[in-house]
Amino acid sequence: MLDDSRTIYTRPMRRPYVVLAAFLLVLASLTASAQQWAKTRLDASPRHREYVTLKSNGRNVQAFVVYPEVSGKAPVIILIHEIFGLSDWAKEMADELAAAGYIVVAPDLLSGAGPSGGNSDSFTSMDATTKAVSGLNPDQVLSDLDAAADYARKIPASNGTFVTVGFCWGGGKSFAFAAHRKDLASAFVFYGPPPADFSTITAPVYGFYAGNDARIGATVPATIEGMKAAGKKYEPVTYDGAGHGFMRAGEDPTNTNPANEKARNEAFTRLNTLLKALPAAHASWAVPATTPVQAAGKAHATESTPECHSTTAGSM
């Protein structure tokens, strides 16, 4: 009877744990497959991709590197990821930029910050990833970007010119790096906030902003005035109707806002045009004017697309 009694009371107690375990498994699966469309495109790419380990103040920083299929030396783009870490979309965007004729170095700024000292891919939830990125030390981020820039300049296939292209949280870091690094050729800021001080900026800064993004859009007028007063080059463009994170959302097959796709294509065209004008040996290359969004597999949204920014003030 004692054994039966134990059985009667033990089985109901186990059920909640089984349900919880199943829920966590499903949640982890959804997190991992949220950008499956980007991973599928990346896996189909013919370009050479590799991971390298950079040294930044004694710590290891993993970086994703993609090479273009060109015959001459190429400038390097330091791609700075969103607040979602070095995601499948960030790597897919790196590949798209390489397709346009550039070497791309995308450092994982969450290197060593994940569970058990892992990187971006070690996090099991988006919330945990965004919290970790929001909590990164700004000086450490600049140091990591310095390591990526130093590596970029020494790549044998590089022509020595490098720029930063940052998205969301990374857009703000692209702007901040322009105030930090004197040999930067250009900084491209996709819907990111400006630094507090413009006086040390030497490179031209090009901004890409969403019309339906009041939080970041509100910073643009003061940035225009501040950069002008400091004698710095700053050229912002705002894309009407697009939302924050339109470069990713405009490619996502579940996107339901046509303005995101339109903004994404126009912004990519502008980015390519500006990159093509860099004073480097690649001026004669046939760089494509744009890379259209791959429309295959378009579908109506089945889940909401998270906004690509931190809820912590000033952490963007």
C-alpha atoms as a PDB file:
ATOM      1  CA  MET A   1       0.000   0.000   0.000  1.00  0.00           C
ATOM      2  CA  LEU A   2       2.876   2.291   0.746  1.00  0.00           C
ATOM      3  CA  ASP A   3       4.234   1.792  -2.735  1.00  0.00           C
ATOM      4  CA  ASP A   4       0.814   2.395  -4.306  1.00  0.00           C
ATOM      5  CA  SER A   5       0.400   5.535  -2.234  1.00  0.00           C
ATOM      6  CA  ARG A   6       3.716   6.810  -3.412  1.00  0.00           C
ATOM      7  CA  THR A   7       2.782   6.104  -6.981  1.00  0.00           C
ATOM      8  CA  ILE A   8      -0.509   7.938  -6.658  1.00  0.00           C
ATOM      9  CA  TYR A   9       1.101  11.092  -5.297  1.00  0.00           C
ATOM     10  CA  THR A  10       4.279  11.032  -7.344  1.00  0.00           C
ATOM     11  CA  ARG A  11       2.858  10.920 -10.868  1.00  0.00           C
ATOM     12  CA  PRO A  12       0.778  14.126 -10.639  1.00  0.00           C
ATOM     13  CA  MET A  13       3.803  15.944  -9.214  1.00  0.00           C
ATOM     14  CA  ARG A  14       5.953  14.961 -12.194  1.00  0.00           C
ATOM     15  CA  ARG A  15       3.532  16.195 -14.836  1.00  0.00           C
ATOM     16  CA  PRO A  16       4.192  19.970 -14.411  1.00  0.00           C
ATOM     17  CA  TYR A  17       7.917  19.361 -14.813  1.00  0.00           C
ATOM     18  CA  VAL A  18       7.351  17.350 -17.959  1.00  0.00           C
ATOM     19  CA  VAL A  19       5.142  20.102 -19.374  1.00  0.00           C
ATOM     20  CA  LEU A  20       7.692  22.756 -18.422  1.00  0.00           C
ATOM     21  CA  ALA A  21      10.524  20.816 -20.034  1.00  0.00           C
ATOM     22  CA  ALA A  22       8.496  20.409 -23.234  1.00  0.00           C
ATOM     23  CA  PHE A  23       7.684  24.132 -23.258  1.00  0.00           C
ATOM     24  CA  LEU A  24      11.342  25.093 -22.840  1.00  0.00           C
ATOM     25  CA  LEU A  25      12.307  22.718 -25.625  1.00  0.00           C
ATOM     26  CA  VAL A  26       9.753  24.284 -27.971  1.00  0.00           C
ATOM     27  CA  LEU A  27      10.854  27.793 -26.951  1.00  0.00           C
ATOM     28  CA  ALA A  28      14.487  26.982 -27.653  1.00  0.00           C
ATOM     29  CA  SER A  29      13.498  25.522 -31.017  1.00  0.00           C
ATOM     30  CA  LEU A  30      11.546  28.653 -31.942  1.00  0.00           C
ATOM     31  CA  THR A  31      14.447  30.868 -30.934  1.00  0.00           C
ATOM     32  CA  ALA A  32      16.889  28.848 -32.993  1.00  0.00           C
ATOM     33  CA  SER A  33      14.680  28.814 -36.093  1.00  0.00           C
ATOM     34  CA  ALA A  34      13.470  32.434 -35.934  1.00  0.00           C
ATOM     35  CA  GLN A  35      15.843  33.438 -38.726  1.00  0.00           C
ATOM     36  CA  GLN A  36      15.919  30.136 -40.583  1.00  0.00           C
ATOM     37  CA  TRP A  37      15.230  32.007 -43.809  1.00  0.00           C
ATOM     38  CA  ALA A  38      18.509  33.926 -43.360  1.00  0.00           C
ATOM     39  CA  LYS A  39      20.444  30.767 -42.554  1.00  0.00           C
ATOM     40  CA  THR A  40      19.030  29.036 -45.627  1.00  0.00           C
ATOM     41  CA  ARG A  41      20.225  31.866 -47.859  1.00  0.00           C
ATOM     42  CA  LEU A  42      23.631  31.926 -46.210  1.00  0.00           C
ATOM     43  CA  ASP A  43      24.063  28.161 -46.585  1.00  0.00           C
ATOM     44  CA  ALA A  44      23.412  28.506 -50.320  1.00  0.00           C
ATOM     45  CA  SER A  45      26.131  31.142 -50.785  1.00  0.00           C
ATOM     46  CA  PRO A  46      29.146  30.225 -52.943  1.00  0.00           C
ATOM     47  CA  ARG A  47      31.446  32.695 -51.155  1.00  0.00           C
ATOM     48  CA  HIS A  48      34.266  31.684 -48.841  1.00  0.00           C
ATOM     49  CA  ARG A  49      33.361  32.116 -45.178  1.00  0.00           C
ATOM     50  CA  GLU A  50      35.439  31.489 -42.098  1.00  0.00           C
ATOM     51  CA  TYR A  51      35.682  32.231 -38.387  1.00  0.00           C
ATOM     52  CA  VAL A  52      38.779  33.849 -36.948  1.00  0.00           C
ATOM     53  CA  THR A  53      39.799  34.579 -33.376  1.00  0.00           C
ATOM     54  CA  LEU A  54      40.893  38.125 -32.612  1.00  0.00           C
ATOM     55  CA  LYS A  55      42.786  39.278 -29.535  1.00  0.00           C
ATOM     56  CA  SER A  56      41.262  42.234 -27.676  1.00  0.00           C
ATOM     57  CA  ASN A  57      42.987  43.251 -24.447  1.00  0.00           C
ATOM     58  CA  GLY A  58      43.883  39.664 -23.704  1.00  0.00           C
ATOM     59  CA  ARG A  59      40.479  38.153 -24.438  1.00  0.00           C
ATOM     60  CA  ASN A  60      39.349  36.179 -27.476  1.00  0.00           C
ATOM     61  CA  VAL A  61      36.794  37.668 -29.858  1.00  0.00           C
ATOM     62  CA  GLN A  62      35.313  35.463 -32.545  1.00  0.00           C
ATOM     63  CA  ALA A  63      34.682  37.114 -35.905  1.00  0.00           C
ATOM     64  CA  PHE A  64      32.809  35.916 -38.975  1.00  0.00           C
ATOM     65  CA  VAL A  65      34.678  36.777 -42.202  1.00  0.00           C
ATOM     66  CA  VAL A  66      33.322  36.614 -45.750  1.00  0.00           C
ATOM     67  CA  TYR A  67      35.359  37.154 -48.914  1.00  0.00           C
ATOM     68  CA  PRO A  68      34.088  38.497 -52.250  1.00  0.00           C
ATOM     69  CA  GLU A  69      34.736  36.719 -55.519  1.00  0.00           C
ATOM     70  CA  VAL A  70      36.963  39.398 -57.078  1.00  0.00           C
ATOM     71  CA  SER A  71      40.417  39.394 -58.641  1.00  0.00           C
ATOM     72  CA  GLY A  72      41.884  42.475 -56.945  1.00  0.00           C
ATOM     73  CA  LYS A  73      42.313  43.694 -53.408  1.00  0.00           C
ATOM     74  CA  ALA A  74      39.172  44.900 -51.703  1.00  0.00           C
ATOM     75  CA  PRO A  75      38.211  47.355 -48.964  1.00  0.00           C
ATOM     76  CA  VAL A  76      36.909  45.870 -45.734  1.00  0.00           C
ATOM     77  CA  ILE A  77      33.575  46.419 -44.034  1.00  0.00           C
ATOM     78  CA  ILE A  78      33.478  45.990 -40.264  1.00  0.00           C
ATOM     79  CA  LEU A  79      29.881  44.878 -39.754  1.00  0.00           C
ATOM     80  CA  ILE A  80      28.497  45.679 -36.291  1.00  0.00           C
ATOM     81  CA  HIS A  81      25.547  43.502 -35.377  1.00  0.00           C
ATOM     82  CA  GLU A  82      22.173  44.447 -33.918  1.00  0.00           C
ATOM     83  CA  ILE A  83      21.252  44.111 -30.274  1.00  0.00           C
ATOM     84  CA  PHE A  84      20.340  40.515 -31.173  1.00  0.00           C
ATOM     85  CA  GLY A  85      24.018  39.544 -31.378  1.00  0.00           C
ATOM     86  CA  LEU A  86      25.779  37.912 -34.315  1.00  0.00           C
ATOM     87  CA  SER A  87      22.568  36.361 -35.620  1.00  0.00           C
ATOM     88  CA  ASP A  88      21.930  34.401 -38.804  1.00  0.00           C
ATOM     89  CA  TRP A  89      20.628  37.599 -40.382  1.00  0.00           C
ATOM     90  CA  ALA A  90      23.816  39.514 -39.470  1.00  0.00           C
ATOM     91  CA  LYS A  91      25.893  36.792 -41.120  1.00  0.00           C
ATOM     92  CA  GLU A  92      23.580  36.709 -44.133  1.00  0.00           C
ATOM     93  CA  MET A  93      23.923  40.498 -44.493  1.00  0.00           C
ATOM     94  CA  ALA A  94      27.704  40.106 -44.315  1.00  0.00           C
ATOM     95  CA  ASP A  95      27.460  37.656 -47.195  1.00  0.00           C
ATOM     96  CA  GLU A  96      25.307  40.062 -49.231  1.00  0.00           C
ATOM     97  CA  LEU A  97      27.869  42.816 -48.776  1.00  0.00           C
ATOM     98  CA  ALA A  98      30.631  40.429 -49.811  1.00  0.00           C
ATOM     99  CA  ALA A  99      28.602  39.638 -52.927  1.00  0.00           C
ATOM    100  CA  ALA A 100      28.838  43.339 -53.778  1.00  0.00           C
ATOM    101  CA  GLY A 101      32.640  43.157 -53.783  1.00  0.00           C
ATOM    102  CA  TYR A 102      33.827  43.726 -50.218  1.00  0.00           C
ATOM    103  CA  ILE A 103      35.593  41.732 -47.546  1.00  0.00           C
ATOM    104  CA  VAL A 104      33.379  41.702 -44.464  1.00  0.00           C
ATOM    105  CA  VAL A 105      34.564  41.174 -40.902  1.00  0.00           C
ATOM    106  CA  ALA A 106      31.716  40.776 -38.409  1.00  0.00           C
ATOM    107  CA  PRO A 107      32.971  40.485 -34.814  1.00  0.00           C
ATOM    108  CA  ASP A 108      30.769  38.722 -32.308  1.00  0.00           C
ATOM    109  CA  LEU A 109      30.737  41.335 -29.559  1.00  0.00           C
ATOM    110  CA  LEU A 110      29.136  38.807 -27.226  1.00  0.00           C
ATOM    111  CA  SER A 111      32.196  36.565 -27.426  1.00  0.00           C
ATOM    112  CA  GLY A 112      32.676  34.928 -24.038  1.00  0.00           C
ATOM    113  CA  ALA A 113      29.583  36.599 -22.582  1.00  0.00           C
ATOM    114  CA  GLY A 114      27.191  33.714 -23.133  1.00  0.00           C
ATOM    115  CA  PRO A 115      26.337  30.755 -20.919  1.00  0.00           C
ATOM    116  CA  SER A 116      29.490  28.830 -19.930  1.00  0.00           C
ATOM    117  CA  GLY A 117      31.593  31.486 -21.652  1.00  0.00           C
ATOM    118  CA  GLY A 118      29.900  31.010 -25.027  1.00  0.00           C
ATOM    119  CA  ASN A 119      29.201  33.451 -27.837  1.00  0.00           C
ATOM    120  CA  SER A 120      26.003  34.803 -29.423  1.00  0.00           C
ATOM    121  CA  ASP A 121      24.876  31.345 -30.488  1.00  0.00           C
ATOM    122  CA  SER A 122      25.018  30.037 -26.902  1.00  0.00           C
ATOM    123  CA  PHE A 123      22.063  32.116 -25.708  1.00  0.00           C
ATOM    124  CA  THR A 124      18.725  30.287 -25.585  1.00  0.00           C
ATOM    125  CA  SER A 125      16.403  33.304 -25.642  1.00  0.00           C
ATOM    126  CA  MET A 126      16.220  36.639 -27.400  1.00  0.00           C
ATOM    127  CA  ASP A 127      15.597  38.411 -24.113  1.00  0.00           C
ATOM    128  CA  ALA A 128      18.825  37.036 -22.643  1.00  0.00           C
ATOM    129  CA  THR A 129      20.738  38.084 -25.749  1.00  0.00           C
ATOM    130  CA  THR A 130      19.441  41.653 -25.733  1.00  0.00           C
ATOM    131  CA  LYS A 131      20.155  42.013 -22.015  1.00  0.00           C
ATOM    132  CA  ALA A 132      23.712  40.796 -22.536  1.00  0.00           C
ATOM    133  CA  VAL A 133      24.353  43.185 -25.451  1.00  0.00           C
ATOM    134  CA  SER A 134      22.820  46.080 -23.501  1.00  0.00           C
ATOM    135  CA  GLY A 135      25.190  45.355 -20.646  1.00  0.00           C
ATOM    136  CA  LEU A 136      28.398  45.322 -22.681  1.00  0.00           C
ATOM    137  CA  ASN A 137      31.068  47.747 -21.514  1.00  0.00           C
ATOM    138  CA  PRO A 138      31.376  50.552 -24.137  1.00  0.00           C
ATOM    139  CA  ASP A 139      35.174  50.614 -23.788  1.00  0.00           C
ATOM    140  CA  GLN A 140      35.330  46.868 -24.349  1.00  0.00           C
ATOM    141  CA  VAL A 141      33.196  47.241 -27.484  1.00  0.00           C
ATOM    142  CA  LEU A 142      35.560  49.895 -28.869  1.00  0.00           C
ATOM    143  CA  SER A 143      38.517  47.663 -28.071  1.00  0.00           C
ATOM    144  CA  ASP A 144      36.882  44.733 -29.871  1.00  0.00           C
ATOM    145  CA  LEU A 145      36.178  46.927 -32.893  1.00  0.00           C
ATOM    146  CA  ASP A 146      39.794  48.105 -32.824  1.00  0.00           C
ATOM    147  CA  ALA A 147      40.865  44.462 -32.954  1.00  0.00           C
ATOM    148  CA  ALA A 148      38.581  43.880 -35.950  1.00  0.00           C
ATOM    149  CA  ALA A 149      39.904  46.998 -37.712  1.00  0.00           C
ATOM    150  CA  ASP A 150      43.528  46.049 -37.059  1.00  0.00           C
ATOM    151  CA  TYR A 151      42.844  42.583 -38.433  1.00  0.00           C
ATOM    152  CA  ALA A 152      41.076  44.061 -41.460  1.00  0.00           C
ATOM    153  CA  ARG A 153      44.043  46.207 -42.383  1.00  0.00           C
ATOM    154  CA  LYS A 154      46.372  43.190 -42.353  1.00  0.00           C
ATOM    155  CA  ILE A 155      44.279  40.852 -44.482  1.00  0.00           C
ATOM    156  CA  PRO A 156      46.419  40.123 -47.558  1.00  0.00           C
ATOM    157  CA  ALA A 157      43.414  40.580 -49.852  1.00  0.00           C
ATOM    158  CA  SER A 158      42.558  43.959 -48.283  1.00  0.00           C
ATOM    159  CA  ASN A 159      43.516  47.238 -49.941  1.00  0.00           C
ATOM    160  CA  GLY A 160      43.897  48.863 -46.519  1.00  0.00           C
ATOM    161  CA  THR A 161      40.645  50.825 -46.582  1.00  0.00           C
ATOM    162  CA  PHE A 162      38.008  49.938 -44.010  1.00  0.00           C
ATOM    163  CA  VAL A 163      34.599  51.273 -42.968  1.00  0.00           C
ATOM    164  CA  THR A 164      32.011  50.419 -40.334  1.00  0.00           C
ATOM    165  CA  VAL A 165      28.434  49.446 -41.115  1.00  0.00           C
ATOM    166  CA  GLY A 166      26.270  49.067 -38.021  1.00  0.00           C
ATOM    167  CA  PHE A 167      22.620  48.207 -37.481  1.00  0.00           C
ATOM    168  CA  CYS A 168      20.366  49.171 -34.536  1.00  0.00           C
ATOM    169  CA  TRP A 169      22.575  48.956 -31.429  1.00  0.00           C
ATOM    170  CA  GLY A 170      25.433  48.441 -33.863  1.00  0.00           C
ATOM    171  CA  GLY A 171      24.464  51.627 -35.690  1.00  0.00           C
ATOM    172  CA  GLY A 172      25.148  53.586 -32.532  1.00  0.00           C
ATOM    173  CA  LYS A 173      28.476  51.787 -32.140  1.00  0.00           C
ATOM    174  CA  SER A 174      29.389  52.589 -35.749  1.00  0.00           C
ATOM    175  CA  PHE A 175      28.852  56.297 -34.951  1.00  0.00           C
ATOM    176  CA  ALA A 176      30.809  55.981 -31.682  1.00  0.00           C
ATOM    177  CA  PHE A 177      33.681  54.229 -33.444  1.00  0.00           C
ATOM    178  CA  ALA A 178      33.913  57.147 -35.870  1.00  0.00           C
ATOM    179  CA  ALA A 179      34.626  59.363 -32.864  1.00  0.00           C
ATOM    180  CA  HIS A 180      37.284  56.907 -31.702  1.00  0.00           C
ATOM    181  CA  ARG A 181      39.206  55.699 -34.753  1.00  0.00           C
ATOM    182  CA  LYS A 182      41.139  58.179 -36.887  1.00  0.00           C
ATOM    183  CA  ASP A 183      41.933  55.933 -39.883  1.00  0.00           C
ATOM    184  CA  LEU A 184      38.294  54.969 -40.495  1.00  0.00           C
ATOM    185  CA  ALA A 185      37.295  55.775 -44.103  1.00  0.00           C
ATOM    186  CA  SER A 186      33.537  56.125 -43.473  1.00  0.00           C
ATOM    187  CA  ALA A 187      30.904  55.231 -40.908  1.00  0.00           C
ATOM    188  CA  PHE A 188      27.474  53.992 -41.943  1.00  0.00           C
ATOM    189  CA  VAL A 189      24.814  54.260 -39.252  1.00  0.00           C
ATOM    190  CA  PHE A 190      21.573  52.323 -39.661  1.00  0.00           C
ATOM    191  CA  TYR A 191      18.961  53.625 -37.176  1.00  0.00           C
ATOM    192  CA  GLY A 192      21.415  54.113 -34.320  1.00  0.00           C
ATOM    193  CA  PRO A 193      21.907  57.062 -31.929  1.00  0.00           C
ATOM    194  CA  PRO A 194      24.839  59.500 -32.050  1.00  0.00           C
ATOM    195  CA  PRO A 195      27.715  59.800 -29.562  1.00  0.00           C
ATOM    196  CA  ALA A 196      27.763  62.629 -27.045  1.00  0.00           C
ATOM    197  CA  ASP A 197      30.790  64.339 -28.604  1.00  0.00           C
ATOM    198  CA  PHE A 198      31.378  64.934 -32.329  1.00  0.00           C
ATOM    199  CA  SER A 199      34.661  66.826 -32.035  1.00  0.00           C
ATOM    200  CA  THR A 200      36.945  63.815 -32.586  1.00  0.00           C
ATOM    201  CA  ILE A 201      35.174  62.472 -35.674  1.00  0.00           C
ATOM    202  CA  THR A 202      37.312  62.550 -38.822  1.00  0.00           C
ATOM    203  CA  ALA A 203      35.412  60.221 -41.186  1.00  0.00           C
ATOM    204  CA  PRO A 204      32.208  61.130 -43.023  1.00  0.00           C
ATOM    205  CA  VAL A 205      29.110  59.664 -41.404  1.00  0.00           C
ATOM    206  CA  TYR A 206      26.102  58.499 -43.411  1.00  0.00           C
ATOM    207  CA  GLY A 207      22.816  57.885 -41.638  1.00  0.00           C
ATOM    208  CA  PHE A 208      19.922  55.613 -42.599  1.00  0.00           C
ATOM    209  CA  TYR A 209      16.731  56.120 -40.579  1.00  0.00           C
ATOM    210  CA  ALA A 210      13.151  54.855 -40.469  1.00  0.00           C
ATOM    211  CA  GLY A 211      10.202  57.206 -40.776  1.00  0.00           C
ATOM    212  CA  ASN A 212       8.225  55.229 -38.186  1.00  0.00           C
ATOM    213  CA  ASP A 213      10.933  55.245 -35.539  1.00  0.00           C
ATOM    214  CA  ALA A 214      10.323  58.287 -33.362  1.00  0.00           C
ATOM    215  CA  ARG A 215      12.772  57.161 -30.689  1.00  0.00           C
ATOM    216  CA  ILE A 216      15.804  57.316 -32.981  1.00  0.00           C
ATOM    217  CA  GLY A 217      14.321  59.825 -35.440  1.00  0.00           C
ATOM    218  CA  ALA A 218      14.109  62.384 -32.644  1.00  0.00           C
ATOM    219  CA  THR A 219      17.906  62.385 -32.376  1.00  0.00           C
ATOM    220  CA  VAL A 220      18.519  63.324 -36.007  1.00  0.00           C
ATOM    221  CA  PRO A 221      17.807  67.108 -35.986  1.00  0.00           C
ATOM    222  CA  ALA A 222      20.182  67.736 -33.080  1.00  0.00           C
ATOM    223  CA  THR A 223      22.780  65.478 -34.691  1.00  0.00           C
ATOM    224  CA  ILE A 224      22.579  67.495 -37.913  1.00  0.00           C
ATOM    225  CA  GLU A 225      23.148  70.714 -35.992  1.00  0.00           C
ATOM    226  CA  GLY A 226      25.874  69.250 -33.795  1.00  0.00           C
ATOM    227  CA  MET A 227      27.832  67.733 -36.675  1.00  0.00           C
ATOM    228  CA  LYS A 228      27.500  70.951 -38.669  1.00  0.00           C
ATOM    229  CA  ALA A 229      28.738  73.050 -35.748  1.00  0.00           C
ATOM    230  CA  ALA A 230      31.701  70.693 -35.327  1.00  0.00           C
ATOM    231  CA  GLY A 231      32.535  70.941 -39.037  1.00  0.00           C
ATOM    232  CA  LYS A 232      31.901  67.242 -39.691  1.00  0.00           C
ATOM    233  CA  LYS A 233      30.300  65.551 -42.678  1.00  0.00           C
ATOM    234  CA  TYR A 234      26.967  63.960 -41.856  1.00  0.00           C
ATOM    235  CA  GLU A 235      24.379  62.936 -44.438  1.00  0.00           C
ATOM    236  CA  PRO A 236      21.193  61.372 -43.049  1.00  0.00           C
ATOM    237  CA  VAL A 237      18.342  59.906 -45.089  1.00  0.00           C
ATOM    238  CA  THR A 238      14.963  58.925 -43.629  1.00  0.00           C
ATOM    239  CA  TYR A 239      12.802  56.300 -45.340  1.00  0.00           C
ATOM    240  CA  ASP A 240       9.103  57.121 -45.014  1.00  0.00           C
ATOM    241  CA  GLY A 241       6.822  54.429 -43.634  1.00  0.00           C
ATOM    242  CA  ALA A 242       9.628  52.071 -42.653  1.00  0.00           C
ATOM    243  CA  GLY A 243      10.030  50.808 -39.115  1.00  0.00           C
ATOM    244  CA  HIS A 244      13.085  50.413 -36.918  1.00  0.00           C
ATOM    245  CA  GLY A 245      15.149  47.452 -38.131  1.00  0.00           C
ATOM    246  CA  PHE A 246      13.931  47.730 -41.736  1.00  0.00           C
ATOM    247  CA  MET A 247      17.123  46.238 -43.198  1.00  0.00           C
ATOM    248  CA  ARG A 248      16.296  42.932 -41.528  1.00  0.00           C
ATOM    249  CA  ALA A 249      12.515  43.241 -41.641  1.00  0.00           C
ATOM    250  CA  GLY A 250      12.629  44.151 -45.338  1.00  0.00           C
ATOM    251  CA  GLU A 251      14.206  40.765 -46.117  1.00  0.00           C
ATOM    252  CA  ASP A 252      12.143  38.697 -43.719  1.00  0.00           C
ATOM    253  CA  PRO A 253       9.570  36.558 -45.606  1.00  0.00           C
ATOM    254  CA  THR A 254       7.053  37.277 -42.812  1.00  0.00           C
ATOM    255  CA  ASN A 255       7.294  41.063 -43.246  1.00  0.00           C
ATOM    256  CA  THR A 256       3.873  42.656 -43.807  1.00  0.00           C
ATOM    257  CA  ASN A 257       4.974  46.294 -44.225  1.00  0.00           C
ATOM    258  CA  PRO A 258       5.856  47.040 -47.887  1.00  0.00           C
ATOM    259  CA  ALA A 259       7.685  50.190 -46.756  1.00  0.00           C
ATOM    260  CA  ASN A 260      10.275  48.042 -44.989  1.00  0.00           C
ATOM    261  CA  GLU A 261      11.155  46.176 -48.174  1.00  0.00           C
ATOM    262  CA  LYS A 262      11.221  49.404 -50.189  1.00  0.00           C
ATOM    263  CA  ALA A 263      13.454  51.104 -47.622  1.00  0.00           C
ATOM    264  CA  ARG A 264      15.718  48.098 -47.439  1.00  0.00           C
ATOM    265  CA  ASN A 265      16.297  48.063 -51.208  1.00  0.00           C
ATOM    266  CA  GLU A 266      16.779  51.824 -51.458  1.00  0.00           C
ATOM    267  CA  ALA A 267      19.144  51.857 -48.483  1.00  0.00           C
ATOM    268  CA  PHE A 268      21.193  48.982 -49.896  1.00  0.00           C
ATOM    269  CA  THR A 269      21.478  50.844 -53.197  1.00  0.00           C
ATOM    270  CA  ARG A 270      22.621  53.985 -51.403  1.00  0.00           C
ATOM    271  CA  LEU A 271      25.114  52.039 -49.304  1.00  0.00           C
ATOM    272  CA  ASN A 272      26.614  50.398 -52.388  1.00  0.00           C
ATOM    273  CA  THR A 273      26.850  53.727 -54.191  1.00  0.00           C
ATOM    274  CA  LEU A 274      28.697  55.309 -51.269  1.00  0.00           C
ATOM    275  CA  LEU A 275      31.003  52.313 -50.880  1.00  0.00           C
ATOM    276  CA  LYS A 276      31.781  52.381 -54.574  1.00  0.00           C
ATOM    277  CA  ALA A 277      32.908  56.011 -54.228  1.00  0.00           C
ATOM    278  CA  LEU A 278      35.549  55.151 -51.598  1.00  0.00           C
ATOM    279  CA  PRO A 279      39.000  56.387 -52.682  1.00  0.00           C
ATOM    280  CA  ALA A 280      40.451  52.934 -53.206  1.00  0.00           C
ATOM    281  CA  ALA A 281      41.810  50.668 -55.928  1.00  0.00           C
ATOM    282  CA  HIS A 282      38.418  49.034 -56.492  1.00  0.00           C
ATOM    283  CA  ALA A 283      36.995  51.961 -58.473  1.00  0.00           C
ATOM    284  CA  SER A 284      36.912  49.947 -61.693  1.00  0.00           C
ATOM    285  CA  TRP A 285      35.037  47.013 -60.220  1.00  0.00           C
ATOM    286  CA  ALA A 286      31.558  46.316 -61.424  1.00  0.00           C
ATOM    287  CA  VAL A 287      29.760  46.621 -58.098  1.00  0.00           C
ATOM    288  CA  PRO A 288      26.032  45.892 -58.456  1.00  0.00           C
ATOM    289  CA  ALA A 289      23.779  48.871 -57.773  1.00  0.00           C
ATOM    290  CA  THR A 290      21.525  46.863 -55.518  1.00  0.00           C
ATOM    291  CA  THR A 291      20.812  43.431 -54.195  1.00  0.00           C
ATOM    292  CA  PRO A 292      17.064  42.847 -54.448  1.00  0.00           C
ATOM    293  CA  VAL A 293      15.250  41.126 -51.654  1.00  0.00           C
ATOM    294  CA  GLN A 294      14.836  37.424 -52.391  1.00  0.00           C
ATOM    295  CA  ALA A 295      11.093  37.070 -52.703  1.00  0.00           C
ATOM    296  CA  ALA A 296      10.912  33.280 -52.651  1.00  0.00           C
ATOM    297  CA  GLY A 297       8.975  31.952 -49.739  1.00  0.00           C
ATOM    298  CA  LYS A 298       7.148  35.201 -48.903  1.00  0.00           C
ATOM    299  CA  ALA A 299       4.303  34.600 -46.479  1.00  0.00           C
ATOM    300  CA  HIS A 300       2.064  36.409 -44.088  1.00  0.00           C
ATOM    301  CA  ALA A 301       3.468  36.966 -40.632  1.00  0.00           C
ATOM    302  CA  THR A 302       2.734  34.227 -38.149  1.00  0.00           C
ATOM    303  CA  GLU A 303       4.529  35.880 -35.235  1.00  0.00           C
ATOM    304  CA  SER A 304       5.426  39.437 -34.344  1.00  0.00           C
ATOM    305  CA  THR A 305       8.851  40.770 -35.331  1.00  0.00           C
ATOM    306  CA  PRO A 306      10.686  42.176 -32.294  1.00  0.00           C
ATOM    307  CA  GLU A 307      12.016  45.692 -32.430  1.00  0.00           C
ATOM    308  CA  CYS A 308      15.763  45.852 -32.700  1.00  0.00           C
ATOM    309  CA  HIS A 309      16.593  48.048 -29.754  1.00  0.00           C
ATOM    310  CA  SER A 310      17.187  47.902 -26.046  1.00  0.00           C
ATOM    311  CA  THR A 311      14.645  48.945 -23.479  1.00  0.00           C
ATOM    312  CA  THR A 312      17.478  50.327 -21.355  1.00  0.00           C
ATOM    313  CA  ALA A 313      17.904  54.043 -21.896  1.00  0.00           C
ATOM    314  CA  GLY A 314      21.209  54.960 -23.454  1.00  0.00           C
ATOM    315  CA  SER A 315      22.250  51.366 -24.114  1.00  0.00           C
ATOM    316  CA  MET A 316      21.537  51.442 -27.837  1.00  0.00           C
END
